[in-house]
Amino acid sequence: MAEEIQNKAPEAAAPSAAAASPSSGPRSSGPRTGGPGGRGKFFRRKKVCKFCTEKIDSIPYRDVRLLQGFIAERGKIVPRRLTGVCTTHQRRLTRAIKQARNIALLPFASGF
């Protein structure tokens, strides 16, 4: 009987060992998760509003070169979490882009 218990124990341990493999889940330690050695702490600088630093109050809808920096290749307006523009300037920027689109200075969509 003791032999039967010893034979069954390794079989029960085998599936749990396979489930704990390093590539099987989100607990695997990669280079950005703070793995062994402590390297992987990723520091991202806080983005600063371009319009606040340059003290631009009004965003002109005629300045196409300025507005194109805030439009993606497909014609979408880039969100403020990617550009770093503050909330008030993002609203003004959106309004200026839409005005420029309506008078055909900027395309509504491109890349199709």
PDB file of N, CA and C in Angstrom:
ATOM      1  N   MET A   1       0.801  -1.195   0.000  1.00  0.00           N
ATOM      2  CA  MET A   1       0.000   0.000   0.000  1.00  0.00           C
ATOM      3  C   MET A   1       0.843   1.257   0.000  1.00  0.00           C
ATOM      4  N   ALA A   2       1.947   1.223   0.685  1.00  0.00           N
ATOM      5  CA  ALA A   2       2.830   2.379   0.726  1.00  0.00           C
ATOM      6  C   ALA A   2       3.403   2.652  -0.657  1.00  0.00           C
ATOM      7  N   GLU A   3       3.607   1.572  -1.447  1.00  0.00           N
ATOM      8  CA  GLU A   3       4.112   1.744  -2.791  1.00  0.00           C
ATOM      9  C   GLU A   3       3.081   2.441  -3.689  1.00  0.00           C
ATOM     10  N   GLU A   4       1.795   2.142  -3.485  1.00  0.00           N
ATOM     11  CA  GLU A   4       0.747   2.783  -4.281  1.00  0.00           C
ATOM     12  C   GLU A   4       0.688   4.280  -3.985  1.00  0.00           C
ATOM     13  N   ILE A   5       0.854   4.668  -2.734  1.00  0.00           N
ATOM     14  CA  ILE A   5       0.816   6.082  -2.363  1.00  0.00           C
ATOM     15  C   ILE A   5       2.018   6.805  -2.964  1.00  0.00           C
ATOM     16  N   GLN A   6       3.180   6.171  -2.941  1.00  0.00           N
ATOM     17  CA  GLN A   6       4.365   6.790  -3.505  1.00  0.00           C
ATOM     18  C   GLN A   6       4.231   6.939  -5.022  1.00  0.00           C
ATOM     19  N   ASN A   7       3.602   5.995  -5.665  1.00  0.00           N
ATOM     20  CA  ASN A   7       3.419   6.066  -7.109  1.00  0.00           C
ATOM     21  C   ASN A   7       2.419   7.159  -7.494  1.00  0.00           C
ATOM     22  N   LYS A   8       1.416   7.382  -6.665  1.00  0.00           N
ATOM     23  CA  LYS A   8       0.397   8.381  -6.994  1.00  0.00           C
ATOM     24  C   LYS A   8       0.879   9.800  -6.710  1.00  0.00           C
ATOM     25  N   ALA A   9       1.737   9.992  -5.778  1.00  0.00           N
ATOM     26  CA  ALA A   9       2.186  11.334  -5.409  1.00  0.00           C
ATOM     27  C   ALA A   9       2.919  12.046  -6.553  1.00  0.00           C
ATOM     28  N   PRO A  10       3.852  11.406  -7.265  1.00  0.00           N
ATOM     29  CA  PRO A  10       4.507  12.114  -8.367  1.00  0.00           C
ATOM     30  C   PRO A  10       3.548  12.471  -9.501  1.00  0.00           C
ATOM     31  N   GLU A  11       2.529  11.663  -9.727  1.00  0.00           N
ATOM     32  CA  GLU A  11       1.562  11.973 -10.780  1.00  0.00           C
ATOM     33  C   GLU A  11       0.775  13.232 -10.425  1.00  0.00           C
ATOM     34  N   ALA A  12       0.433  13.400  -9.175  1.00  0.00           N
ATOM     35  CA  ALA A  12      -0.331  14.568  -8.757  1.00  0.00           C
ATOM     36  C   ALA A  12       0.540  15.824  -8.795  1.00  0.00           C
ATOM     37  N   ALA A  13       1.832  15.676  -8.579  1.00  0.00           N
ATOM     38  CA  ALA A  13       2.724  16.832  -8.569  1.00  0.00           C
ATOM     39  C   ALA A  13       3.065  17.288  -9.990  1.00  0.00           C
ATOM     40  N   ALA A  14       2.995  16.419 -10.969  1.00  0.00           N
ATOM     41  CA  ALA A  14       3.382  16.757 -12.327  1.00  0.00           C
ATOM     42  C   ALA A  14       2.515  17.854 -12.951  1.00  0.00           C
ATOM     43  N   PRO A  15       1.175  17.817 -12.849  1.00  0.00           N
ATOM     44  CA  PRO A  15       0.400  18.885 -13.478  1.00  0.00           C
ATOM     45  C   PRO A  15       0.650  20.257 -12.847  1.00  0.00           C
ATOM     46  N   SER A  16       0.880  20.312 -11.558  1.00  0.00           N
ATOM     47  CA  SER A  16       1.112  21.612 -10.933  1.00  0.00           C
ATOM     48  C   SER A  16       2.461  22.188 -11.354  1.00  0.00           C
ATOM     49  N   ALA A  17       3.430  21.326 -11.614  1.00  0.00           N
ATOM     50  CA  ALA A  17       4.728  21.811 -12.077  1.00  0.00           C
ATOM     51  C   ALA A  17       4.603  22.377 -13.490  1.00  0.00           C
ATOM     52  N   ALA A  18       3.758  21.763 -14.318  1.00  0.00           N
ATOM     53  CA  ALA A  18       3.571  22.264 -15.671  1.00  0.00           C
ATOM     54  C   ALA A  18       2.811  23.590 -15.653  1.00  0.00           C
ATOM     55  N   ALA A  19       1.909  23.754 -14.703  1.00  0.00           N
ATOM     56  CA  ALA A  19       1.131  24.992 -14.631  1.00  0.00           C
ATOM     57  C   ALA A  19       1.968  26.157 -14.125  1.00  0.00           C
ATOM     58  N   ALA A  20       3.046  25.874 -13.424  1.00  0.00           N
ATOM     59  CA  ALA A  20       3.875  26.940 -12.856  1.00  0.00           C
ATOM     60  C   ALA A  20       5.061  27.277 -13.746  1.00  0.00           C
ATOM     61  N   SER A  21       4.972  26.944 -15.036  1.00  0.00           N
ATOM     62  CA  SER A  21       6.078  27.263 -15.931  1.00  0.00           C
ATOM     63  C   SER A  21       6.181  28.774 -16.097  1.00  0.00           C
ATOM     64  N   PRO A  22       7.366  29.309 -16.351  1.00  0.00           N
ATOM     65  CA  PRO A  22       7.550  30.759 -16.394  1.00  0.00           C
ATOM     66  C   PRO A  22       6.805  31.459 -17.526  1.00  0.00           C
ATOM     67  N   SER A  23       6.493  30.751 -18.610  1.00  0.00           N
ATOM     68  CA  SER A  23       5.829  31.423 -19.722  1.00  0.00           C
ATOM     69  C   SER A  23       4.315  31.285 -19.683  1.00  0.00           C
ATOM     70  N   SER A  24       3.776  30.763 -18.587  1.00  0.00           N
ATOM     71  CA  SER A  24       2.357  30.458 -18.579  1.00  0.00           C
ATOM     72  C   SER A  24       1.473  31.559 -18.031  1.00  0.00           C
ATOM     73  N   GLY A  25       2.001  32.671 -17.595  1.00  0.00           N
ATOM     74  CA  GLY A  25       1.094  33.659 -17.050  1.00  0.00           C
ATOM     75  C   GLY A  25       1.705  35.028 -16.874  1.00  0.00           C
ATOM     76  N   PRO A  26       0.942  35.920 -16.286  1.00  0.00           N
ATOM     77  CA  PRO A  26       1.405  37.293 -16.138  1.00  0.00           C
ATOM     78  C   PRO A  26       2.463  37.476 -15.057  1.00  0.00           C
ATOM     79  N   ARG A  27       2.773  36.424 -14.326  1.00  0.00           N
ATOM     80  CA  ARG A  27       3.747  36.554 -13.254  1.00  0.00           C
ATOM     81  C   ARG A  27       5.179  36.358 -13.726  1.00  0.00           C
ATOM     82  N   SER A  28       5.363  36.121 -15.000  1.00  0.00           N
ATOM     83  CA  SER A  28       6.733  35.954 -15.472  1.00  0.00           C
ATOM     84  C   SER A  28       7.454  37.295 -15.375  1.00  0.00           C
ATOM     85  N   SER A  29       8.693  37.229 -14.935  1.00  0.00           N
ATOM     86  CA  SER A  29       9.425  38.469 -14.716  1.00  0.00           C
ATOM     87  C   SER A  29      10.157  38.857 -15.989  1.00  0.00           C
ATOM     88  N   GLY A  30       9.730  39.931 -16.591  1.00  0.00           N
ATOM     89  CA  GLY A  30      10.343  40.443 -17.809  1.00  0.00           C
ATOM     90  C   GLY A  30      11.239  41.624 -17.474  1.00  0.00           C
ATOM     91  N   PRO A  31      11.777  42.284 -18.483  1.00  0.00           N
ATOM     92  CA  PRO A  31      12.701  43.386 -18.225  1.00  0.00           C
ATOM     93  C   PRO A  31      12.030  44.618 -17.628  1.00  0.00           C
ATOM     94  N   ARG A  32      10.721  44.781 -17.778  1.00  0.00           N
ATOM     95  CA  ARG A  32      10.064  45.979 -17.257  1.00  0.00           C
ATOM     96  C   ARG A  32       9.271  45.733 -15.987  1.00  0.00           C
ATOM     97  N   THR A  33       9.240  44.513 -15.501  1.00  0.00           N
ATOM     98  CA  THR A  33       8.428  44.225 -14.331  1.00  0.00           C
ATOM     99  C   THR A  33       9.219  44.287 -13.041  1.00  0.00           C
ATOM    100  N   GLY A  34      10.433  44.745 -13.094  1.00  0.00           N
ATOM    101  CA  GLY A  34      11.238  44.799 -11.877  1.00  0.00           C
ATOM    102  C   GLY A  34      11.742  43.429 -11.493  1.00  0.00           C
ATOM    103  N   GLY A  35      12.197  42.683 -12.455  1.00  0.00           N
ATOM    104  CA  GLY A  35      12.637  41.311 -12.257  1.00  0.00           C
ATOM    105  C   GLY A  35      13.883  41.224 -11.408  1.00  0.00           C
ATOM    106  N   PRO A  36      14.627  40.155 -11.543  1.00  0.00           N
ATOM    107  CA  PRO A  36      15.809  39.959 -10.715  1.00  0.00           C
ATOM    108  C   PRO A  36      16.861  41.044 -10.967  1.00  0.00           C
ATOM    109  N   GLY A  37      17.435  41.518  -9.907  1.00  0.00           N
ATOM    110  CA  GLY A  37      18.460  42.543 -10.028  1.00  0.00           C
ATOM    111  C   GLY A  37      17.918  43.953  -9.934  1.00  0.00           C
ATOM    112  N   GLY A  38      16.603  44.124  -9.969  1.00  0.00           N
ATOM    113  CA  GLY A  38      16.013  45.435  -9.831  1.00  0.00           C
ATOM    114  C   GLY A  38      16.104  46.310 -11.061  1.00  0.00           C
ATOM    115  N   ARG A  39      16.610  45.797 -12.173  1.00  0.00           N
ATOM    116  CA  ARG A  39      16.640  46.632 -13.377  1.00  0.00           C
ATOM    117  C   ARG A  39      15.282  46.527 -14.062  1.00  0.00           C
ATOM    118  N   GLY A  40      14.754  47.400 -14.634  1.00  0.00           N
ATOM    119  CA  GLY A  40      13.433  47.288 -15.221  1.00  0.00           C
ATOM    120  C   GLY A  40      12.505  48.328 -14.661  1.00  0.00           C
ATOM    121  N   LYS A  41      12.968  49.146 -13.767  1.00  0.00           N
ATOM    122  CA  LYS A  41      12.160  50.263 -13.326  1.00  0.00           C
ATOM    123  C   LYS A  41      12.166  51.253 -14.475  1.00  0.00           C
ATOM    124  N   PHE A  42      11.030  51.410 -15.107  1.00  0.00           N
ATOM    125  CA  PHE A  42      10.933  52.260 -16.284  1.00  0.00           C
ATOM    126  C   PHE A  42      10.415  53.618 -15.855  1.00  0.00           C
ATOM    127  N   PHE A  43      11.205  54.652 -16.067  1.00  0.00           N
ATOM    128  CA  PHE A  43      10.837  56.000 -15.669  1.00  0.00           C
ATOM    129  C   PHE A  43      10.432  56.796 -16.898  1.00  0.00           C
ATOM    130  N   ARG A  44       9.230  57.325 -16.862  1.00  0.00           N
ATOM    131  CA  ARG A  44       8.745  58.129 -17.968  1.00  0.00           C
ATOM    132  C   ARG A  44       8.579  59.569 -17.509  1.00  0.00           C
ATOM    133  N   ARG A  45       9.174  60.496 -18.258  1.00  0.00           N
ATOM    134  CA  ARG A  45       9.057  61.909 -17.911  1.00  0.00           C
ATOM    135  C   ARG A  45       7.638  62.390 -18.120  1.00  0.00           C
ATOM    136  N   LYS A  46       7.199  63.281 -17.251  1.00  0.00           N
ATOM    137  CA  LYS A  46       5.873  63.862 -17.398  1.00  0.00           C
ATOM    138  C   LYS A  46       5.886  64.805 -18.594  1.00  0.00           C
ATOM    139  N   LYS A  47       4.892  64.661 -19.455  1.00  0.00           N
ATOM    140  CA  LYS A  47       4.828  65.491 -20.639  1.00  0.00           C
ATOM    141  C   LYS A  47       4.318  66.872 -20.267  1.00  0.00           C
ATOM    142  N   VAL A  48       4.879  67.883 -20.881  1.00  0.00           N
ATOM    143  CA  VAL A  48       4.524  69.265 -20.582  1.00  0.00           C
ATOM    144  C   VAL A  48       3.809  69.847 -21.794  1.00  0.00           C
ATOM    145  N   CYS A  49       2.799  70.647 -21.536  1.00  0.00           N
ATOM    146  CA  CYS A  49       2.008  71.258 -22.600  1.00  0.00           C
ATOM    147  C   CYS A  49       2.873  72.227 -23.407  1.00  0.00           C
ATOM    148  N   LYS A  50       2.900  72.028 -24.702  1.00  0.00           N
ATOM    149  CA  LYS A  50       3.692  72.868 -25.594  1.00  0.00           C
ATOM    150  C   LYS A  50       3.168  74.302 -25.609  1.00  0.00           C
ATOM    151  N   PHE A  51       1.856  74.436 -25.553  1.00  0.00           N
ATOM    152  CA  PHE A  51       1.250  75.756 -25.632  1.00  0.00           C
ATOM    153  C   PHE A  51       1.416  76.534 -24.329  1.00  0.00           C
ATOM    154  N   CYS A  52       1.438  75.851 -23.208  1.00  0.00           N
ATOM    155  CA  CYS A  52       1.657  76.528 -21.923  1.00  0.00           C
ATOM    156  C   CYS A  52       3.097  77.013 -21.801  1.00  0.00           C
ATOM    157  N   THR A  53       4.050  76.197 -22.242  1.00  0.00           N
ATOM    158  CA  THR A  53       5.453  76.590 -22.112  1.00  0.00           C
ATOM    159  C   THR A  53       5.808  77.744 -23.044  1.00  0.00           C
ATOM    160  N   GLU A  54       5.196  77.768 -24.237  1.00  0.00           N
ATOM    161  CA  GLU A  54       5.452  78.850 -25.178  1.00  0.00           C
ATOM    162  C   GLU A  54       4.494  80.019 -24.999  1.00  0.00           C
ATOM    163  N   LYS A  55       3.590  79.906 -24.025  1.00  0.00           N
ATOM    164  CA  LYS A  55       2.603  80.938 -23.689  1.00  0.00           C
ATOM    165  C   LYS A  55       1.770  81.352 -24.901  1.00  0.00           C
ATOM    166  N   ILE A  56       1.225  80.334 -25.591  1.00  0.00           N
ATOM    167  CA  ILE A  56       0.337  80.564 -26.721  1.00  0.00           C
ATOM    168  C   ILE A  56      -1.094  80.471 -26.199  1.00  0.00           C
ATOM    169  N   ASP A  57      -1.838  81.568 -26.267  1.00  0.00           N
ATOM    170  CA  ASP A  57      -3.207  81.575 -25.762  1.00  0.00           C
ATOM    171  C   ASP A  57      -4.202  81.101 -26.812  1.00  0.00           C
ATOM    172  N   SER A  58      -4.113  81.654 -28.006  1.00  0.00           N
ATOM    173  CA  SER A  58      -5.047  81.271 -29.058  1.00  0.00           C
ATOM    174  C   SER A  58      -4.312  80.400 -30.076  1.00  0.00           C
ATOM    175  N   ILE A  59      -4.991  79.351 -30.494  1.00  0.00           N
ATOM    176  CA  ILE A  59      -4.410  78.447 -31.480  1.00  0.00           C
ATOM    177  C   ILE A  59      -5.051  78.775 -32.824  1.00  0.00           C
ATOM    178  N   PRO A  60      -4.301  79.353 -33.756  1.00  0.00           N
ATOM    179  CA  PRO A  60      -4.902  79.754 -35.037  1.00  0.00           C
ATOM    180  C   PRO A  60      -5.198  78.549 -35.926  1.00  0.00           C
ATOM    181  N   TYR A  61      -6.394  78.529 -36.488  1.00  0.00           N
ATOM    182  CA  TYR A  61      -6.772  77.411 -37.356  1.00  0.00           C
ATOM    183  C   TYR A  61      -6.093  77.508 -38.715  1.00  0.00           C
ATOM    184  N   ARG A  62      -5.505  78.646 -39.039  1.00  0.00           N
ATOM    185  CA  ARG A  62      -4.830  78.814 -40.331  1.00  0.00           C
ATOM    186  C   ARG A  62      -3.407  78.276 -40.310  1.00  0.00           C
ATOM    187  N   ASP A  63      -2.855  78.044 -39.123  1.00  0.00           N
ATOM    188  CA  ASP A  63      -1.476  77.551 -39.000  1.00  0.00           C
ATOM    189  C   ASP A  63      -1.461  76.032 -39.205  1.00  0.00           C
ATOM    190  N   VAL A  64      -1.395  75.627 -40.455  1.00  0.00           N
ATOM    191  CA  VAL A  64      -1.517  74.209 -40.808  1.00  0.00           C
ATOM    192  C   VAL A  64      -0.317  73.410 -40.312  1.00  0.00           C
ATOM    193  N   ARG A  65       0.864  73.992 -40.368  1.00  0.00           N
ATOM    194  CA  ARG A  65       2.064  73.259 -39.927  1.00  0.00           C
ATOM    195  C   ARG A  65       1.994  72.940 -38.436  1.00  0.00           C
ATOM    196  N   LEU A  66       1.453  73.836 -37.653  1.00  0.00           N
ATOM    197  CA  LEU A  66       1.303  73.585 -36.219  1.00  0.00           C
ATOM    198  C   LEU A  66       0.268  72.499 -35.971  1.00  0.00           C
ATOM    199  N   LEU A  67      -0.844  72.571 -36.677  1.00  0.00           N
ATOM    200  CA  LEU A  67      -1.941  71.622 -36.451  1.00  0.00           C
ATOM    201  C   LEU A  67      -1.605  70.222 -36.944  1.00  0.00           C
ATOM    202  N   GLN A  68      -0.785  70.112 -37.992  1.00  0.00           N
ATOM    203  CA  GLN A  68      -0.454  68.787 -38.521  1.00  0.00           C
ATOM    204  C   GLN A  68       0.366  67.962 -37.536  1.00  0.00           C
ATOM    205  N   GLY A  69       1.020  68.605 -36.603  1.00  0.00           N
ATOM    206  CA  GLY A  69       1.763  67.866 -35.594  1.00  0.00           C
ATOM    207  C   GLY A  69       0.869  67.149 -34.599  1.00  0.00           C
ATOM    208  N   PHE A  70      -0.412  67.510 -34.581  1.00  0.00           N
ATOM    209  CA  PHE A  70      -1.361  66.917 -33.647  1.00  0.00           C
ATOM    210  C   PHE A  70      -2.397  66.066 -34.357  1.00  0.00           C
ATOM    211  N   ILE A  71      -2.104  65.701 -35.602  1.00  0.00           N
ATOM    212  CA  ILE A  71      -2.992  64.838 -36.370  1.00  0.00           C
ATOM    213  C   ILE A  71      -2.213  63.603 -36.798  1.00  0.00           C
ATOM    214  N   ALA A  72      -2.814  62.435 -36.630  1.00  0.00           N
ATOM    215  CA  ALA A  72      -2.171  61.174 -37.015  1.00  0.00           C
ATOM    216  C   ALA A  72      -2.186  61.024 -38.539  1.00  0.00           C
ATOM    217  N   GLU A  73      -1.526  59.991 -39.039  1.00  0.00           N
ATOM    218  CA  GLU A  73      -1.432  59.766 -40.476  1.00  0.00           C
ATOM    219  C   GLU A  73      -2.793  59.571 -41.126  1.00  0.00           C
ATOM    220  N   ARG A  74      -3.699  58.956 -40.415  1.00  0.00           N
ATOM    221  CA  ARG A  74      -5.026  58.677 -40.957  1.00  0.00           C
ATOM    222  C   ARG A  74      -5.965  59.870 -40.854  1.00  0.00           C
ATOM    223  N   GLY A  75      -5.540  60.939 -40.216  1.00  0.00           N
ATOM    224  CA  GLY A  75      -6.370  62.126 -40.096  1.00  0.00           C
ATOM    225  C   GLY A  75      -7.038  62.289 -38.750  1.00  0.00           C
ATOM    226  N   LYS A  76      -6.780  61.387 -37.831  1.00  0.00           N
ATOM    227  CA  LYS A  76      -7.389  61.476 -36.506  1.00  0.00           C
ATOM    228  C   LYS A  76      -6.634  62.455 -35.622  1.00  0.00           C
ATOM    229  N   ILE A  77      -7.354  63.066 -34.701  1.00  0.00           N
ATOM    230  CA  ILE A  77      -6.732  63.972 -33.743  1.00  0.00           C
ATOM    231  C   ILE A  77      -6.047  63.116 -32.675  1.00  0.00           C
ATOM    232  N   VAL A  78      -4.790  63.402 -32.408  1.00  0.00           N
ATOM    233  CA  VAL A  78      -4.010  62.626 -31.444  1.00  0.00           C
ATOM    234  C   VAL A  78      -4.470  62.994 -30.033  1.00  0.00           C
ATOM    235  N   PRO A  79      -4.734  62.022 -29.154  1.00  0.00           N
ATOM    236  CA  PRO A  79      -5.209  62.319 -27.799  1.00  0.00           C
ATOM    237  C   PRO A  79      -4.144  62.982 -26.947  1.00  0.00           C
ATOM    238  N   ARG A  80      -4.594  63.671 -25.917  1.00  0.00           N
ATOM    239  CA  ARG A  80      -3.676  64.454 -25.092  1.00  0.00           C
ATOM    240  C   ARG A  80      -2.758  63.595 -24.245  1.00  0.00           C
ATOM    241  N   ARG A  81      -3.116  62.346 -23.996  1.00  0.00           N
ATOM    242  CA  ARG A  81      -2.211  61.483 -23.225  1.00  0.00           C
ATOM    243  C   ARG A  81      -0.973  61.124 -24.030  1.00  0.00           C
ATOM    244  N   LEU A  82      -1.061  61.245 -25.351  1.00  0.00           N
ATOM    245  CA  LEU A  82       0.103  60.996 -26.195  1.00  0.00           C
ATOM    246  C   LEU A  82       0.886  62.272 -26.489  1.00  0.00           C
ATOM    247  N   THR A  83       0.193  63.398 -26.639  1.00  0.00           N
ATOM    248  CA  THR A  83       0.883  64.635 -26.986  1.00  0.00           C
ATOM    249  C   THR A  83       1.358  65.406 -25.771  1.00  0.00           C
ATOM    250  N   GLY A  84       0.683  65.251 -24.648  1.00  0.00           N
ATOM    251  CA  GLY A  84       1.073  65.973 -23.445  1.00  0.00           C
ATOM    252  C   GLY A  84       0.460  67.354 -23.330  1.00  0.00           C
ATOM    253  N   VAL A  85      -0.503  67.671 -24.190  1.00  0.00           N
ATOM    254  CA  VAL A  85      -1.158  68.974 -24.162  1.00  0.00           C
ATOM    255  C   VAL A  85      -2.157  69.000 -23.004  1.00  0.00           C
ATOM    256  N   CYS A  86      -2.281  70.144 -22.340  1.00  0.00           N
ATOM    257  CA  CYS A  86      -3.215  70.245 -21.219  1.00  0.00           C
ATOM    258  C   CYS A  86      -4.654  70.253 -21.732  1.00  0.00           C
ATOM    259  N   THR A  87      -5.598  70.140 -20.815  1.00  0.00           N
ATOM    260  CA  THR A  87      -6.999  69.981 -21.186  1.00  0.00           C
ATOM    261  C   THR A  87      -7.544  71.187 -21.946  1.00  0.00           C
ATOM    262  N   THR A  88      -7.276  72.374 -21.445  1.00  0.00           N
ATOM    263  CA  THR A  88      -7.831  73.561 -22.104  1.00  0.00           C
ATOM    264  C   THR A  88      -7.250  73.756 -23.504  1.00  0.00           C
ATOM    265  N   HIS A  89      -5.966  73.520 -23.651  1.00  0.00           N
ATOM    266  CA  HIS A  89      -5.364  73.677 -24.974  1.00  0.00           C
ATOM    267  C   HIS A  89      -5.769  72.539 -25.910  1.00  0.00           C
ATOM    268  N   GLN A  90      -6.050  71.364 -25.376  1.00  0.00           N
ATOM    269  CA  GLN A  90      -6.526  70.271 -26.228  1.00  0.00           C
ATOM    270  C   GLN A  90      -7.894  70.612 -26.799  1.00  0.00           C
ATOM    271  N   ARG A  91      -8.744  71.233 -25.990  1.00  0.00           N
ATOM    272  CA  ARG A  91     -10.061  71.647 -26.496  1.00  0.00           C
ATOM    273  C   ARG A  91      -9.923  72.705 -27.586  1.00  0.00           C
ATOM    274  N   ARG A  92      -9.051  73.686 -27.356  1.00  0.00           N
ATOM    275  CA  ARG A  92      -8.829  74.728 -28.356  1.00  0.00           C
ATOM    276  C   ARG A  92      -8.193  74.153 -29.619  1.00  0.00           C
ATOM    277  N   LEU A  93      -7.301  73.204 -29.435  1.00  0.00           N
ATOM    278  CA  LEU A  93      -6.641  72.548 -30.560  1.00  0.00           C
ATOM    279  C   LEU A  93      -7.654  71.767 -31.391  1.00  0.00           C
ATOM    280  N   THR A  94      -8.537  71.056 -30.733  1.00  0.00           N
ATOM    281  CA  THR A  94      -9.568  70.289 -31.428  1.00  0.00           C
ATOM    282  C   THR A  94     -10.473  71.215 -32.232  1.00  0.00           C
ATOM    283  N   ARG A  95     -10.857  72.321 -31.625  1.00  0.00           N
ATOM    284  CA  ARG A  95     -11.710  73.288 -32.323  1.00  0.00           C
ATOM    285  C   ARG A  95     -10.986  73.858 -33.550  1.00  0.00           C
ATOM    286  N   ALA A  96      -9.703  74.170 -33.407  1.00  0.00           N
ATOM    287  CA  ALA A  96      -8.936  74.725 -34.527  1.00  0.00           C
ATOM    288  C   ALA A  96      -8.775  73.699 -35.649  1.00  0.00           C
ATOM    289  N   ILE A  97      -8.559  72.437 -35.294  1.00  0.00           N
ATOM    290  CA  ILE A  97      -8.418  71.389 -36.309  1.00  0.00           C
ATOM    291  C   ILE A  97      -9.727  71.216 -37.068  1.00  0.00           C
ATOM    292  N   LYS A  98     -10.847  71.244 -36.347  1.00  0.00           N
ATOM    293  CA  LYS A  98     -12.141  71.082 -37.003  1.00  0.00           C
ATOM    294  C   LYS A  98     -12.463  72.268 -37.903  1.00  0.00           C
ATOM    295  N   GLN A  99     -12.089  73.467 -37.496  1.00  0.00           N
ATOM    296  CA  GLN A  99     -12.295  74.638 -38.348  1.00  0.00           C
ATOM    297  C   GLN A  99     -11.431  74.542 -39.599  1.00  0.00           C
ATOM    298  N   ALA A 100     -10.191  74.102 -39.449  1.00  0.00           N
ATOM    299  CA  ALA A 100      -9.300  73.959 -40.597  1.00  0.00           C
ATOM    300  C   ALA A 100      -9.788  72.873 -41.553  1.00  0.00           C
ATOM    301  N   ARG A 101     -10.407  71.836 -41.027  1.00  0.00           N
ATOM    302  CA  ARG A 101     -10.970  70.794 -41.883  1.00  0.00           C
ATOM    303  C   ARG A 101     -12.150  71.334 -42.684  1.00  0.00           C
ATOM    304  N   ASN A 102     -12.986  72.135 -42.037  1.00  0.00           N
ATOM    305  CA  ASN A 102     -14.190  72.641 -42.705  1.00  0.00           C
ATOM    306  C   ASN A 102     -13.869  73.589 -43.850  1.00  0.00           C
ATOM    307  N   ILE A 103     -12.773  74.305 -43.782  1.00  0.00           N
ATOM    308  CA  ILE A 103     -12.420  75.180 -44.901  1.00  0.00           C
ATOM    309  C   ILE A 103     -11.322  74.557 -45.767  1.00  0.00           C
ATOM    310  N   ALA A 104     -11.142  73.261 -45.657  1.00  0.00           N
ATOM    311  CA  ALA A 104     -10.288  72.441 -46.528  1.00  0.00           C
ATOM    312  C   ALA A 104      -8.809  72.767 -46.411  1.00  0.00           C
ATOM    313  N   LEU A 105      -8.365  73.192 -45.241  1.00  0.00           N
ATOM    314  CA  LEU A 105      -6.930  73.344 -45.020  1.00  0.00           C
ATOM    315  C   LEU A 105      -6.298  72.027 -44.572  1.00  0.00           C
ATOM    316  N   LEU A 106      -7.098  71.226 -43.890  1.00  0.00           N
ATOM    317  CA  LEU A 106      -6.656  69.895 -43.433  1.00  0.00           C
ATOM    318  C   LEU A 106      -7.635  68.852 -43.942  1.00  0.00           C
ATOM    319  N   PRO A 107      -7.155  67.640 -44.219  1.00  0.00           N
ATOM    320  CA  PRO A 107      -8.066  66.582 -44.666  1.00  0.00           C
ATOM    321  C   PRO A 107      -8.851  65.983 -43.498  1.00  0.00           C
ATOM    322  N   PHE A 108     -10.080  65.558 -43.798  1.00  0.00           N
ATOM    323  CA  PHE A 108     -10.864  64.854 -42.793  1.00  0.00           C
ATOM    324  C   PHE A 108     -10.295  63.470 -42.530  1.00  0.00           C
ATOM    325  N   ALA A 109      -9.888  62.792 -43.585  1.00  0.00           N
ATOM    326  CA  ALA A 109      -9.281  61.470 -43.471  1.00  0.00           C
ATOM    327  C   ALA A 109      -8.293  61.314 -44.625  1.00  0.00           C
ATOM    328  N   SER A 110      -7.239  60.564 -44.369  1.00  0.00           N
ATOM    329  CA  SER A 110      -6.266  60.320 -45.426  1.00  0.00           C
ATOM    330  C   SER A 110      -5.689  58.929 -45.239  1.00  0.00           C
ATOM    331  N   GLY A 111      -5.052  58.429 -46.257  1.00  0.00           N
ATOM    332  CA  GLY A 111      -4.384  57.141 -46.167  1.00  0.00           C
ATOM    333  C   GLY A 111      -5.254  55.960 -46.525  1.00  0.00           C
ATOM    334  N   PHE A 112      -6.369  56.170 -47.196  1.00  0.00           N
ATOM    335  CA  PHE A 112      -7.225  55.048 -47.585  1.00  0.00           C
ATOM    336  C   PHE A 112      -6.745  54.521 -48.857  1.00  0.00           C
TER     337      PHE A 112
END
